[in-house]
Amino acid sequence: IKAGARLVAAPGVEIRFSPNAALVVAGGSFMAYGRKDLPVRLLPSAFQAQPGAWRGLILDHAPHTVLNHIAIEKAQNGITIMNSSPEIFGATIQSCSQAGLFLRENAKPNITCSELISNQGQGAMVIEGAGIAPMVHNNAFIGNTPFQIQSYTPLEVDVTNNFWGRSVPDATMFLGRIVWDPFLTAPSETCSQR
């Protein structure tokens, strides 16, 4: 999706991707307006695909991106964000082979009420590059391996007030300068009502 172009996905829309394909937003806009009961789904084309079957959603210079109730499954990286500030609410990103979220240069997402589940390779979220300022609160990180979050930036990354898959998380779930305490002892009740 190039500059000047816009893709709007309505509740219940399902977009399937062939192997090694990706949805790349490079200068344009992507608006996914799913609902809790009818998410917008981004999936591999094969119904029995393994994690990593497609490349994922790539946001690069994507100034107008809104992802409400979007489900991303079995990508290499669920969402790669660079030079963009997407609003992500109620997303489910699961079973990705490398990372659920990959934050690179100038990534400034606002992520709330989302779930990152069973992402492998590097875990739920990988942070690397300059100018990164994520707002990540009231989310649930469950069963991601080997880490919930890895950060390769010299700055502290504030990811407080998230649920880390168990009532009392520990520092071995994180790599890098991650501020994760205070934390939620269960998924956010406020989010489950929306």
N, C-alpha and C. Protein backbone atom coordinates (compact mmCIF):
# COMPACT_ATOMS: atom_id res chain seq x y z
N ILE A 1 0.87 -1.17 0.00
CA ILE A 1 0.00 0.00 0.00
C ILE A 1 0.91 1.22 0.00
N LYS A 2 0.98 1.86 -1.12
CA LYS A 2 1.89 2.98 -1.30
C LYS A 2 1.24 4.31 -0.92
N ALA A 3 2.03 5.37 -0.89
CA ALA A 3 1.55 6.70 -0.54
C ALA A 3 0.33 7.06 -1.37
N GLY A 4 -0.68 7.59 -0.70
CA GLY A 4 -1.91 7.98 -1.37
C GLY A 4 -2.95 6.88 -1.46
N ALA A 5 -2.56 5.65 -1.18
CA ALA A 5 -3.50 4.52 -1.24
C ALA A 5 -3.97 4.17 0.16
N ARG A 6 -5.16 3.58 0.24
CA ARG A 6 -5.73 3.19 1.53
C ARG A 6 -6.46 1.86 1.38
N LEU A 7 -6.24 0.99 2.37
CA LEU A 7 -6.98 -0.27 2.46
C LEU A 7 -7.77 -0.23 3.75
N VAL A 8 -9.09 -0.41 3.63
CA VAL A 8 -9.98 -0.45 4.80
C VAL A 8 -10.60 -1.83 4.85
N ALA A 9 -10.44 -2.50 6.00
CA ALA A 9 -10.99 -3.84 6.19
C ALA A 9 -12.11 -3.76 7.21
N ALA A 10 -13.28 -4.27 6.84
CA ALA A 10 -14.47 -4.25 7.69
C ALA A 10 -14.50 -5.46 8.62
N PRO A 11 -15.35 -5.44 9.63
CA PRO A 11 -15.45 -6.58 10.54
C PRO A 11 -15.68 -7.89 9.78
N GLY A 12 -14.95 -8.93 10.18
CA GLY A 12 -15.11 -10.25 9.59
C GLY A 12 -14.31 -10.51 8.33
N VAL A 13 -13.62 -9.50 7.80
CA VAL A 13 -12.82 -9.70 6.59
C VAL A 13 -11.65 -10.63 6.90
N GLU A 14 -11.39 -11.55 5.99
CA GLU A 14 -10.28 -12.49 6.14
C GLU A 14 -9.39 -12.35 4.91
N ILE A 15 -8.11 -12.08 5.14
CA ILE A 15 -7.14 -11.96 4.06
C ILE A 15 -6.13 -13.08 4.23
N ARG A 16 -5.97 -13.91 3.19
CA ARG A 16 -5.04 -15.04 3.27
C ARG A 16 -3.85 -14.78 2.36
N PHE A 17 -2.68 -15.25 2.79
CA PHE A 17 -1.42 -14.95 2.12
C PHE A 17 -0.71 -16.22 1.68
N SER A 18 -0.20 -16.20 0.45
CA SER A 18 0.59 -17.33 -0.05
C SER A 18 1.96 -17.31 0.64
N PRO A 19 2.70 -18.43 0.56
CA PRO A 19 4.00 -18.49 1.23
C PRO A 19 4.91 -17.34 0.83
N ASN A 20 5.58 -16.77 1.83
CA ASN A 20 6.53 -15.66 1.69
C ASN A 20 5.90 -14.34 1.27
N ALA A 21 4.58 -14.27 1.20
CA ALA A 21 3.92 -13.01 0.89
C ALA A 21 3.79 -12.18 2.17
N ALA A 22 3.56 -10.88 2.00
CA ALA A 22 3.38 -9.97 3.13
C ALA A 22 2.40 -8.88 2.72
N LEU A 23 1.78 -8.26 3.70
CA LEU A 23 1.01 -7.04 3.48
C LEU A 23 1.93 -5.90 3.90
N VAL A 24 2.42 -5.13 2.92
CA VAL A 24 3.38 -4.07 3.16
C VAL A 24 2.68 -2.72 3.01
N VAL A 25 2.69 -1.95 4.08
CA VAL A 25 2.14 -0.60 4.05
C VAL A 25 3.34 0.34 4.04
N ALA A 26 3.63 0.94 2.89
CA ALA A 26 4.80 1.79 2.71
C ALA A 26 4.35 3.17 2.23
N GLY A 27 3.93 3.98 3.18
CA GLY A 27 3.49 5.34 2.86
C GLY A 27 1.99 5.51 2.80
N GLY A 28 1.26 4.42 2.62
CA GLY A 28 -0.20 4.48 2.54
C GLY A 28 -0.85 4.26 3.89
N SER A 29 -2.13 3.92 3.86
CA SER A 29 -2.91 3.73 5.08
C SER A 29 -3.56 2.36 5.10
N PHE A 30 -3.59 1.75 6.28
CA PHE A 30 -4.30 0.50 6.49
C PHE A 30 -5.17 0.67 7.72
N MET A 31 -6.46 0.52 7.53
CA MET A 31 -7.43 0.64 8.62
C MET A 31 -8.18 -0.68 8.73
N ALA A 32 -7.98 -1.38 9.84
CA ALA A 32 -8.70 -2.63 10.10
C ALA A 32 -9.68 -2.35 11.22
N TYR A 33 -10.96 -2.39 10.88
CA TYR A 33 -12.01 -2.08 11.85
C TYR A 33 -12.78 -3.34 12.22
N GLY A 34 -12.08 -4.29 12.83
CA GLY A 34 -12.75 -5.50 13.29
C GLY A 34 -13.53 -5.22 14.56
N ARG A 35 -14.28 -6.22 14.96
CA ARG A 35 -14.99 -6.19 16.25
C ARG A 35 -14.53 -7.40 17.05
N LYS A 36 -14.80 -7.37 18.34
CA LYS A 36 -14.39 -8.49 19.19
C LYS A 36 -14.98 -9.80 18.67
N ASP A 37 -16.24 -9.78 18.22
CA ASP A 37 -16.89 -10.99 17.72
C ASP A 37 -16.63 -11.24 16.24
N LEU A 38 -16.10 -10.26 15.52
CA LEU A 38 -15.79 -10.38 14.09
C LEU A 38 -14.46 -9.68 13.78
N PRO A 39 -13.34 -10.27 14.18
CA PRO A 39 -12.06 -9.61 13.91
C PRO A 39 -11.71 -9.63 12.42
N VAL A 40 -10.85 -8.73 12.03
CA VAL A 40 -10.21 -8.80 10.71
C VAL A 40 -9.08 -9.80 10.88
N ARG A 41 -9.00 -10.80 9.98
CA ARG A 41 -8.02 -11.88 10.15
C ARG A 41 -7.02 -11.88 9.00
N LEU A 42 -5.72 -11.94 9.35
CA LEU A 42 -4.63 -12.08 8.39
C LEU A 42 -3.99 -13.44 8.65
N LEU A 43 -4.07 -14.33 7.64
CA LEU A 43 -3.71 -15.74 7.83
C LEU A 43 -2.96 -16.29 6.62
N PRO A 44 -2.28 -17.42 6.80
CA PRO A 44 -1.70 -18.08 5.62
C PRO A 44 -2.80 -18.70 4.76
N SER A 45 -2.51 -18.87 3.47
CA SER A 45 -3.52 -19.43 2.56
C SER A 45 -3.82 -20.89 2.87
N ALA A 46 -2.84 -21.64 3.30
CA ALA A 46 -3.05 -23.06 3.60
C ALA A 46 -3.67 -23.20 4.99
N PHE A 47 -4.74 -23.98 5.07
CA PHE A 47 -5.45 -24.12 6.34
C PHE A 47 -4.62 -24.85 7.40
N GLN A 48 -3.73 -25.74 7.01
CA GLN A 48 -2.90 -26.48 7.95
C GLN A 48 -1.46 -25.97 7.97
N ALA A 49 -1.27 -24.69 7.69
CA ALA A 49 0.08 -24.11 7.61
C ALA A 49 0.78 -24.12 8.96
N GLN A 50 2.09 -24.16 8.89
CA GLN A 50 2.93 -24.08 10.07
C GLN A 50 3.25 -22.61 10.37
N PRO A 51 3.67 -22.28 11.61
CA PRO A 51 4.12 -20.92 11.90
C PRO A 51 5.23 -20.49 10.93
N GLY A 52 5.17 -19.25 10.48
CA GLY A 52 6.15 -18.73 9.53
C GLY A 52 5.75 -18.93 8.09
N ALA A 53 4.49 -19.30 7.84
CA ALA A 53 4.04 -19.60 6.48
C ALA A 53 3.94 -18.37 5.58
N TRP A 54 3.89 -17.18 6.16
CA TRP A 54 3.89 -15.94 5.37
C TRP A 54 4.69 -14.91 6.16
N ARG A 55 5.03 -13.76 5.55
CA ARG A 55 5.96 -12.82 6.18
C ARG A 55 5.32 -11.94 7.23
N GLY A 56 4.05 -11.63 7.13
CA GLY A 56 3.37 -10.79 8.12
C GLY A 56 3.00 -9.42 7.59
N LEU A 57 2.54 -8.57 8.49
CA LEU A 57 2.16 -7.19 8.20
C LEU A 57 3.38 -6.31 8.46
N ILE A 58 3.78 -5.53 7.46
CA ILE A 58 4.96 -4.67 7.57
C ILE A 58 4.51 -3.22 7.41
N LEU A 59 4.73 -2.43 8.46
CA LEU A 59 4.37 -1.01 8.45
C LEU A 59 5.65 -0.19 8.37
N ASP A 60 5.86 0.50 7.25
CA ASP A 60 7.05 1.32 7.05
C ASP A 60 6.61 2.66 6.50
N HIS A 61 6.76 3.71 7.30
CA HIS A 61 6.25 5.03 6.93
C HIS A 61 4.74 4.93 6.65
N ALA A 62 4.03 4.34 7.59
CA ALA A 62 2.58 4.16 7.48
C ALA A 62 1.90 5.11 8.46
N PRO A 63 1.66 6.37 8.03
CA PRO A 63 1.22 7.39 8.98
C PRO A 63 -0.21 7.21 9.53
N HIS A 64 -1.05 6.52 8.81
CA HIS A 64 -2.45 6.40 9.25
C HIS A 64 -2.82 4.92 9.34
N THR A 65 -2.39 4.29 10.41
CA THR A 65 -2.70 2.87 10.59
C THR A 65 -3.47 2.68 11.88
N VAL A 66 -4.65 2.09 11.74
CA VAL A 66 -5.49 1.75 12.89
C VAL A 66 -5.82 0.27 12.77
N LEU A 67 -5.49 -0.48 13.81
CA LEU A 67 -5.74 -1.92 13.81
C LEU A 67 -6.62 -2.26 15.02
N ASN A 68 -7.92 -2.29 14.81
CA ASN A 68 -8.86 -2.63 15.87
C ASN A 68 -9.35 -4.05 15.68
N HIS A 69 -9.15 -4.86 16.71
CA HIS A 69 -9.59 -6.26 16.69
C HIS A 69 -9.14 -6.96 15.41
N ILE A 70 -7.84 -7.06 15.28
CA ILE A 70 -7.23 -7.77 14.16
C ILE A 70 -6.58 -9.04 14.71
N ALA A 71 -6.67 -10.12 13.97
CA ALA A 71 -6.04 -11.39 14.35
C ALA A 71 -5.01 -11.74 13.30
N ILE A 72 -3.77 -11.95 13.74
CA ILE A 72 -2.67 -12.29 12.84
C ILE A 72 -2.11 -13.62 13.31
N GLU A 73 -2.04 -14.60 12.40
CA GLU A 73 -1.61 -15.94 12.78
C GLU A 73 -0.58 -16.50 11.82
N LYS A 74 0.38 -17.22 12.41
CA LYS A 74 1.34 -18.05 11.69
C LYS A 74 2.19 -17.30 10.67
N ALA A 75 2.53 -16.05 11.00
CA ALA A 75 3.45 -15.28 10.16
C ALA A 75 4.88 -15.50 10.66
N GLN A 76 5.85 -15.00 9.91
CA GLN A 76 7.22 -14.98 10.43
C GLN A 76 7.28 -13.97 11.58
N ASN A 77 6.98 -12.71 11.30
CA ASN A 77 6.79 -11.67 12.31
C ASN A 77 5.37 -11.17 12.13
N GLY A 78 4.58 -11.20 13.20
CA GLY A 78 3.19 -10.78 13.08
C GLY A 78 3.06 -9.38 12.50
N ILE A 79 3.65 -8.40 13.19
CA ILE A 79 3.68 -7.02 12.71
C ILE A 79 5.10 -6.49 12.88
N THR A 80 5.68 -6.00 11.78
CA THR A 80 6.95 -5.29 11.83
C THR A 80 6.64 -3.81 11.68
N ILE A 81 7.15 -3.01 12.61
CA ILE A 81 6.83 -1.58 12.62
C ILE A 81 8.12 -0.78 12.55
N MET A 82 8.18 0.14 11.58
CA MET A 82 9.30 1.08 11.50
C MET A 82 8.79 2.40 10.93
N ASN A 83 9.27 3.49 11.51
CA ASN A 83 8.89 4.83 11.06
C ASN A 83 7.37 5.00 11.02
N SER A 84 6.69 4.43 12.01
CA SER A 84 5.23 4.46 12.05
C SER A 84 4.75 4.49 13.50
N SER A 85 3.53 5.01 13.69
CA SER A 85 2.92 5.11 15.02
C SER A 85 1.51 4.54 14.99
N PRO A 86 1.36 3.25 14.75
CA PRO A 86 0.00 2.69 14.64
C PRO A 86 -0.72 2.61 15.98
N GLU A 87 -2.04 2.71 15.90
CA GLU A 87 -2.91 2.47 17.05
C GLU A 87 -3.39 1.03 16.92
N ILE A 88 -3.06 0.20 17.92
CA ILE A 88 -3.41 -1.22 17.89
C ILE A 88 -4.23 -1.52 19.12
N PHE A 89 -5.47 -1.93 18.91
CA PHE A 89 -6.38 -2.21 20.03
C PHE A 89 -7.07 -3.56 19.82
N GLY A 90 -7.03 -4.40 20.84
CA GLY A 90 -7.77 -5.66 20.78
C GLY A 90 -7.22 -6.65 19.77
N ALA A 91 -5.93 -6.55 19.45
CA ALA A 91 -5.32 -7.47 18.48
C ALA A 91 -5.00 -8.80 19.14
N THR A 92 -5.00 -9.86 18.34
CA THR A 92 -4.48 -11.16 18.75
C THR A 92 -3.41 -11.55 17.74
N ILE A 93 -2.18 -11.70 18.23
CA ILE A 93 -1.06 -12.08 17.38
C ILE A 93 -0.51 -13.37 17.95
N GLN A 94 -0.64 -14.45 17.15
CA GLN A 94 -0.26 -15.74 17.71
C GLN A 94 0.41 -16.67 16.71
N SER A 95 1.20 -17.55 17.29
CA SER A 95 1.87 -18.64 16.55
C SER A 95 2.76 -18.13 15.42
N CYS A 96 3.48 -17.05 15.67
CA CYS A 96 4.44 -16.56 14.68
C CYS A 96 5.79 -17.23 14.93
N SER A 97 6.55 -17.46 13.86
CA SER A 97 7.79 -18.24 13.99
C SER A 97 8.96 -17.43 14.51
N GLN A 98 8.98 -16.11 14.34
CA GLN A 98 10.09 -15.29 14.81
C GLN A 98 9.70 -14.38 15.97
N ALA A 99 8.68 -13.55 15.78
CA ALA A 99 8.22 -12.64 16.83
C ALA A 99 6.80 -12.20 16.52
N GLY A 100 6.05 -11.94 17.56
CA GLY A 100 4.72 -11.38 17.36
C GLY A 100 4.81 -9.94 16.85
N LEU A 101 5.65 -9.15 17.51
CA LEU A 101 5.89 -7.76 17.12
C LEU A 101 7.39 -7.54 16.98
N PHE A 102 7.78 -6.88 15.91
CA PHE A 102 9.18 -6.53 15.68
C PHE A 102 9.22 -5.02 15.51
N LEU A 103 9.74 -4.32 16.53
CA LEU A 103 9.80 -2.86 16.51
C LEU A 103 11.19 -2.43 16.08
N ARG A 104 11.23 -1.66 14.99
CA ARG A 104 12.51 -1.19 14.45
C ARG A 104 12.55 0.33 14.48
N GLU A 105 13.42 0.94 13.72
CA GLU A 105 13.67 2.38 13.76
C GLU A 105 12.38 3.20 13.81
N ASN A 106 12.34 4.12 14.80
CA ASN A 106 11.24 5.08 14.93
C ASN A 106 9.87 4.44 15.04
N ALA A 107 9.80 3.26 15.60
CA ALA A 107 8.51 2.61 15.86
C ALA A 107 7.92 3.21 17.12
N LYS A 108 6.69 3.71 17.02
CA LYS A 108 6.03 4.33 18.17
C LYS A 108 4.58 3.86 18.26
N PRO A 109 4.38 2.55 18.38
CA PRO A 109 3.01 2.05 18.43
C PRO A 109 2.35 2.30 19.79
N ASN A 110 1.05 2.43 19.77
CA ASN A 110 0.24 2.46 20.99
C ASN A 110 -0.56 1.16 20.98
N ILE A 111 -0.20 0.22 21.85
CA ILE A 111 -0.79 -1.12 21.84
C ILE A 111 -1.52 -1.34 23.16
N THR A 112 -2.84 -1.55 23.09
CA THR A 112 -3.63 -1.79 24.29
C THR A 112 -4.61 -2.93 24.06
N CYS A 113 -4.94 -3.59 25.15
CA CYS A 113 -5.96 -4.64 25.17
C CYS A 113 -5.72 -5.72 24.12
N SER A 114 -4.47 -6.03 23.87
CA SER A 114 -4.11 -7.02 22.85
C SER A 114 -3.51 -8.27 23.50
N GLU A 115 -3.47 -9.36 22.72
CA GLU A 115 -2.91 -10.62 23.20
C GLU A 115 -1.81 -11.08 22.27
N LEU A 116 -0.67 -11.44 22.83
CA LEU A 116 0.43 -12.03 22.07
C LEU A 116 0.62 -13.42 22.64
N ILE A 117 0.32 -14.44 21.82
CA ILE A 117 0.21 -15.81 22.33
C ILE A 117 1.07 -16.77 21.50
N SER A 118 1.88 -17.56 22.17
CA SER A 118 2.63 -18.67 21.58
C SER A 118 3.47 -18.27 20.37
N ASN A 119 4.12 -17.11 20.47
CA ASN A 119 5.06 -16.70 19.43
C ASN A 119 6.44 -17.23 19.81
N GLN A 120 7.15 -17.76 18.82
CA GLN A 120 8.41 -18.47 19.10
C GLN A 120 9.56 -17.80 18.38
N GLY A 121 10.70 -18.43 18.38
CA GLY A 121 11.89 -17.88 17.72
C GLY A 121 12.55 -16.86 18.61
N GLN A 122 11.98 -15.66 18.68
CA GLN A 122 12.50 -14.61 19.55
C GLN A 122 11.49 -14.21 20.62
N GLY A 123 10.24 -14.64 20.50
CA GLY A 123 9.23 -14.35 21.52
C GLY A 123 8.15 -13.39 21.05
N ALA A 124 7.52 -12.75 22.01
CA ALA A 124 6.39 -11.87 21.71
C ALA A 124 6.81 -10.58 21.02
N MET A 125 7.86 -9.93 21.54
CA MET A 125 8.25 -8.63 21.00
C MET A 125 9.76 -8.49 20.98
N VAL A 126 10.27 -7.99 19.85
CA VAL A 126 11.69 -7.69 19.70
C VAL A 126 11.80 -6.21 19.39
N ILE A 127 12.70 -5.53 20.11
CA ILE A 127 12.88 -4.08 19.96
C ILE A 127 14.33 -3.82 19.59
N GLU A 128 14.55 -3.17 18.43
CA GLU A 128 15.91 -2.80 18.05
C GLU A 128 15.87 -1.60 17.11
N GLY A 129 16.84 -0.74 17.24
CA GLY A 129 16.90 0.45 16.40
C GLY A 129 16.77 1.71 17.23
N ALA A 130 16.94 2.85 16.57
CA ALA A 130 16.90 4.15 17.24
C ALA A 130 15.49 4.76 17.17
N GLY A 131 15.20 5.63 18.11
CA GLY A 131 13.96 6.40 18.08
C GLY A 131 12.70 5.61 18.41
N ILE A 132 12.85 4.50 19.10
CA ILE A 132 11.70 3.65 19.41
C ILE A 132 11.05 4.13 20.70
N ALA A 133 9.72 4.29 20.69
CA ALA A 133 8.99 4.74 21.87
C ALA A 133 7.61 4.07 21.91
N PRO A 134 7.57 2.78 22.25
CA PRO A 134 6.27 2.10 22.29
C PRO A 134 5.49 2.44 23.55
N MET A 135 4.17 2.46 23.41
CA MET A 135 3.25 2.53 24.55
C MET A 135 2.52 1.19 24.55
N VAL A 136 2.86 0.35 25.53
CA VAL A 136 2.37 -1.04 25.56
C VAL A 136 1.81 -1.30 26.96
N HIS A 137 0.49 -1.20 27.11
CA HIS A 137 -0.13 -1.36 28.42
C HIS A 137 -1.46 -2.10 28.30
N ASN A 138 -1.82 -2.83 29.36
CA ASN A 138 -3.09 -3.58 29.44
C ASN A 138 -3.20 -4.66 28.37
N ASN A 139 -2.09 -5.33 28.12
CA ASN A 139 -2.06 -6.43 27.16
C ASN A 139 -1.77 -7.73 27.90
N ALA A 140 -1.97 -8.86 27.20
CA ALA A 140 -1.65 -10.17 27.76
C ALA A 140 -0.60 -10.84 26.89
N PHE A 141 0.52 -11.22 27.50
CA PHE A 141 1.61 -11.92 26.85
C PHE A 141 1.62 -13.33 27.42
N ILE A 142 1.29 -14.33 26.60
CA ILE A 142 1.08 -15.69 27.11
C ILE A 142 1.83 -16.71 26.26
N GLY A 143 2.70 -17.49 26.89
CA GLY A 143 3.33 -18.64 26.24
C GLY A 143 4.28 -18.31 25.11
N ASN A 144 4.92 -17.15 25.15
CA ASN A 144 5.89 -16.78 24.12
C ASN A 144 7.28 -17.25 24.54
N THR A 145 8.06 -17.78 23.59
CA THR A 145 9.39 -18.28 23.93
C THR A 145 10.43 -17.79 22.93
N PRO A 146 11.64 -17.58 23.32
CA PRO A 146 12.22 -17.83 24.63
C PRO A 146 11.98 -16.70 25.63
N PHE A 147 11.55 -15.51 25.15
CA PHE A 147 11.31 -14.36 26.01
C PHE A 147 9.95 -13.75 25.68
N GLN A 148 9.40 -13.03 26.65
CA GLN A 148 8.23 -12.22 26.34
C GLN A 148 8.67 -11.01 25.50
N ILE A 149 9.74 -10.34 25.97
CA ILE A 149 10.26 -9.17 25.24
C ILE A 149 11.78 -9.20 25.26
N GLN A 150 12.36 -8.88 24.09
CA GLN A 150 13.80 -8.68 23.97
C GLN A 150 14.03 -7.26 23.47
N SER A 151 14.93 -6.54 24.13
CA SER A 151 15.25 -5.18 23.69
C SER A 151 16.75 -5.05 23.49
N TYR A 152 17.12 -4.52 22.34
CA TYR A 152 18.52 -4.29 22.01
C TYR A 152 18.82 -2.79 21.91
N THR A 153 18.00 -1.97 22.58
CA THR A 153 18.23 -0.53 22.61
C THR A 153 18.87 -0.17 23.94
N PRO A 154 19.64 0.91 24.00
CA PRO A 154 20.28 1.29 25.26
C PRO A 154 19.30 1.93 26.26
N LEU A 155 18.14 2.32 25.81
CA LEU A 155 17.16 2.99 26.68
C LEU A 155 16.27 1.98 27.38
N GLU A 156 15.75 2.37 28.54
CA GLU A 156 14.76 1.54 29.22
C GLU A 156 13.44 1.60 28.44
N VAL A 157 12.79 0.46 28.34
CA VAL A 157 11.50 0.38 27.66
C VAL A 157 10.45 0.09 28.72
N ASP A 158 9.46 0.96 28.85
CA ASP A 158 8.40 0.83 29.85
C ASP A 158 7.27 -0.02 29.28
N VAL A 159 7.10 -1.20 29.82
CA VAL A 159 5.99 -2.08 29.45
C VAL A 159 5.23 -2.51 30.71
N THR A 160 5.06 -1.57 31.62
CA THR A 160 4.35 -1.84 32.86
C THR A 160 2.87 -2.04 32.60
N ASN A 161 2.22 -2.64 33.59
CA ASN A 161 0.76 -2.85 33.56
C ASN A 161 0.30 -3.74 32.41
N ASN A 162 1.03 -4.83 32.22
CA ASN A 162 0.64 -5.89 31.29
C ASN A 162 0.59 -7.20 32.08
N PHE A 163 -0.14 -8.18 31.55
CA PHE A 163 -0.18 -9.51 32.13
C PHE A 163 0.85 -10.35 31.39
N TRP A 164 1.71 -11.06 32.15
CA TRP A 164 2.83 -11.78 31.56
C TRP A 164 2.64 -13.29 31.56
N GLY A 165 1.40 -13.75 31.55
CA GLY A 165 1.13 -15.18 31.42
C GLY A 165 1.05 -15.92 32.73
N ARG A 166 1.40 -15.28 33.81
CA ARG A 166 1.25 -15.86 35.14
C ARG A 166 1.12 -14.73 36.16
N SER A 167 0.58 -15.05 37.32
CA SER A 167 0.28 -14.00 38.30
C SER A 167 1.52 -13.30 38.82
N VAL A 168 2.65 -14.00 38.87
CA VAL A 168 3.90 -13.37 39.32
C VAL A 168 5.00 -13.68 38.28
N PRO A 169 5.28 -12.74 37.37
CA PRO A 169 6.34 -12.97 36.38
C PRO A 169 7.72 -12.81 37.03
N ASP A 170 8.76 -13.17 36.27
CA ASP A 170 10.11 -12.95 36.78
C ASP A 170 10.99 -12.40 35.66
N ALA A 171 12.17 -11.94 36.06
CA ALA A 171 13.07 -11.25 35.14
C ALA A 171 13.58 -12.13 34.01
N THR A 172 13.51 -13.45 34.14
CA THR A 172 14.00 -14.33 33.07
C THR A 172 13.11 -14.29 31.83
N MET A 173 11.96 -13.64 31.93
CA MET A 173 11.04 -13.53 30.79
C MET A 173 11.44 -12.39 29.85
N PHE A 174 12.45 -11.61 30.25
CA PHE A 174 12.81 -10.39 29.53
C PHE A 174 14.31 -10.35 29.27
N LEU A 175 14.69 -9.76 28.15
CA LEU A 175 16.10 -9.57 27.81
C LEU A 175 16.29 -8.11 27.45
N GLY A 176 17.22 -7.45 28.11
CA GLY A 176 17.47 -6.03 27.85
C GLY A 176 16.93 -5.16 28.98
N ARG A 177 16.91 -3.87 28.75
CA ARG A 177 16.48 -2.90 29.76
C ARG A 177 14.97 -2.71 29.68
N ILE A 178 14.25 -3.63 30.30
CA ILE A 178 12.79 -3.66 30.25
C ILE A 178 12.24 -3.35 31.64
N VAL A 179 11.35 -2.37 31.74
CA VAL A 179 10.66 -2.07 32.99
C VAL A 179 9.28 -2.71 32.88
N TRP A 180 9.05 -3.82 33.60
CA TRP A 180 7.82 -4.59 33.50
C TRP A 180 7.01 -4.61 34.79
N ASP A 181 7.54 -4.04 35.85
CA ASP A 181 6.88 -4.03 37.15
C ASP A 181 6.56 -2.58 37.50
N PRO A 182 5.30 -2.24 37.81
CA PRO A 182 4.18 -3.10 38.20
C PRO A 182 3.55 -3.82 37.00
N PHE A 183 2.92 -4.96 37.31
CA PHE A 183 2.34 -5.83 36.29
C PHE A 183 0.92 -6.20 36.71
N LEU A 184 0.16 -6.71 35.75
CA LEU A 184 -1.18 -7.23 36.04
C LEU A 184 -1.06 -8.69 36.44
N THR A 185 -1.84 -9.11 37.42
CA THR A 185 -1.81 -10.51 37.87
C THR A 185 -2.77 -11.39 37.08
N ALA A 186 -3.56 -10.79 36.22
CA ALA A 186 -4.50 -11.50 35.33
C ALA A 186 -4.78 -10.58 34.14
N PRO A 187 -5.31 -11.13 33.06
CA PRO A 187 -5.67 -10.24 31.94
C PRO A 187 -6.61 -9.13 32.40
N SER A 188 -6.50 -7.98 31.77
CA SER A 188 -7.26 -6.80 32.15
C SER A 188 -8.77 -7.01 32.04
N GLU A 189 -9.48 -6.78 33.12
CA GLU A 189 -10.95 -6.89 33.09
C GLU A 189 -11.55 -5.78 32.25
N THR A 190 -10.94 -4.62 32.26
CA THR A 190 -11.43 -3.51 31.44
C THR A 190 -11.44 -3.90 29.97
N CYS A 191 -10.37 -4.57 29.52
CA CYS A 191 -10.28 -4.96 28.12
C CYS A 191 -11.30 -6.03 27.77
N SER A 192 -11.56 -6.97 28.66
CA SER A 192 -12.51 -8.06 28.36
C SER A 192 -13.93 -7.55 28.18
N GLN A 193 -14.22 -6.35 28.64
CA GLN A 193 -15.55 -5.78 28.50
C GLN A 193 -15.71 -4.99 27.22
N ARG A 194 -14.62 -4.75 26.48
CA ARG A 194 -14.70 -3.90 25.28
C ARG A 194 -14.83 -4.73 24.04
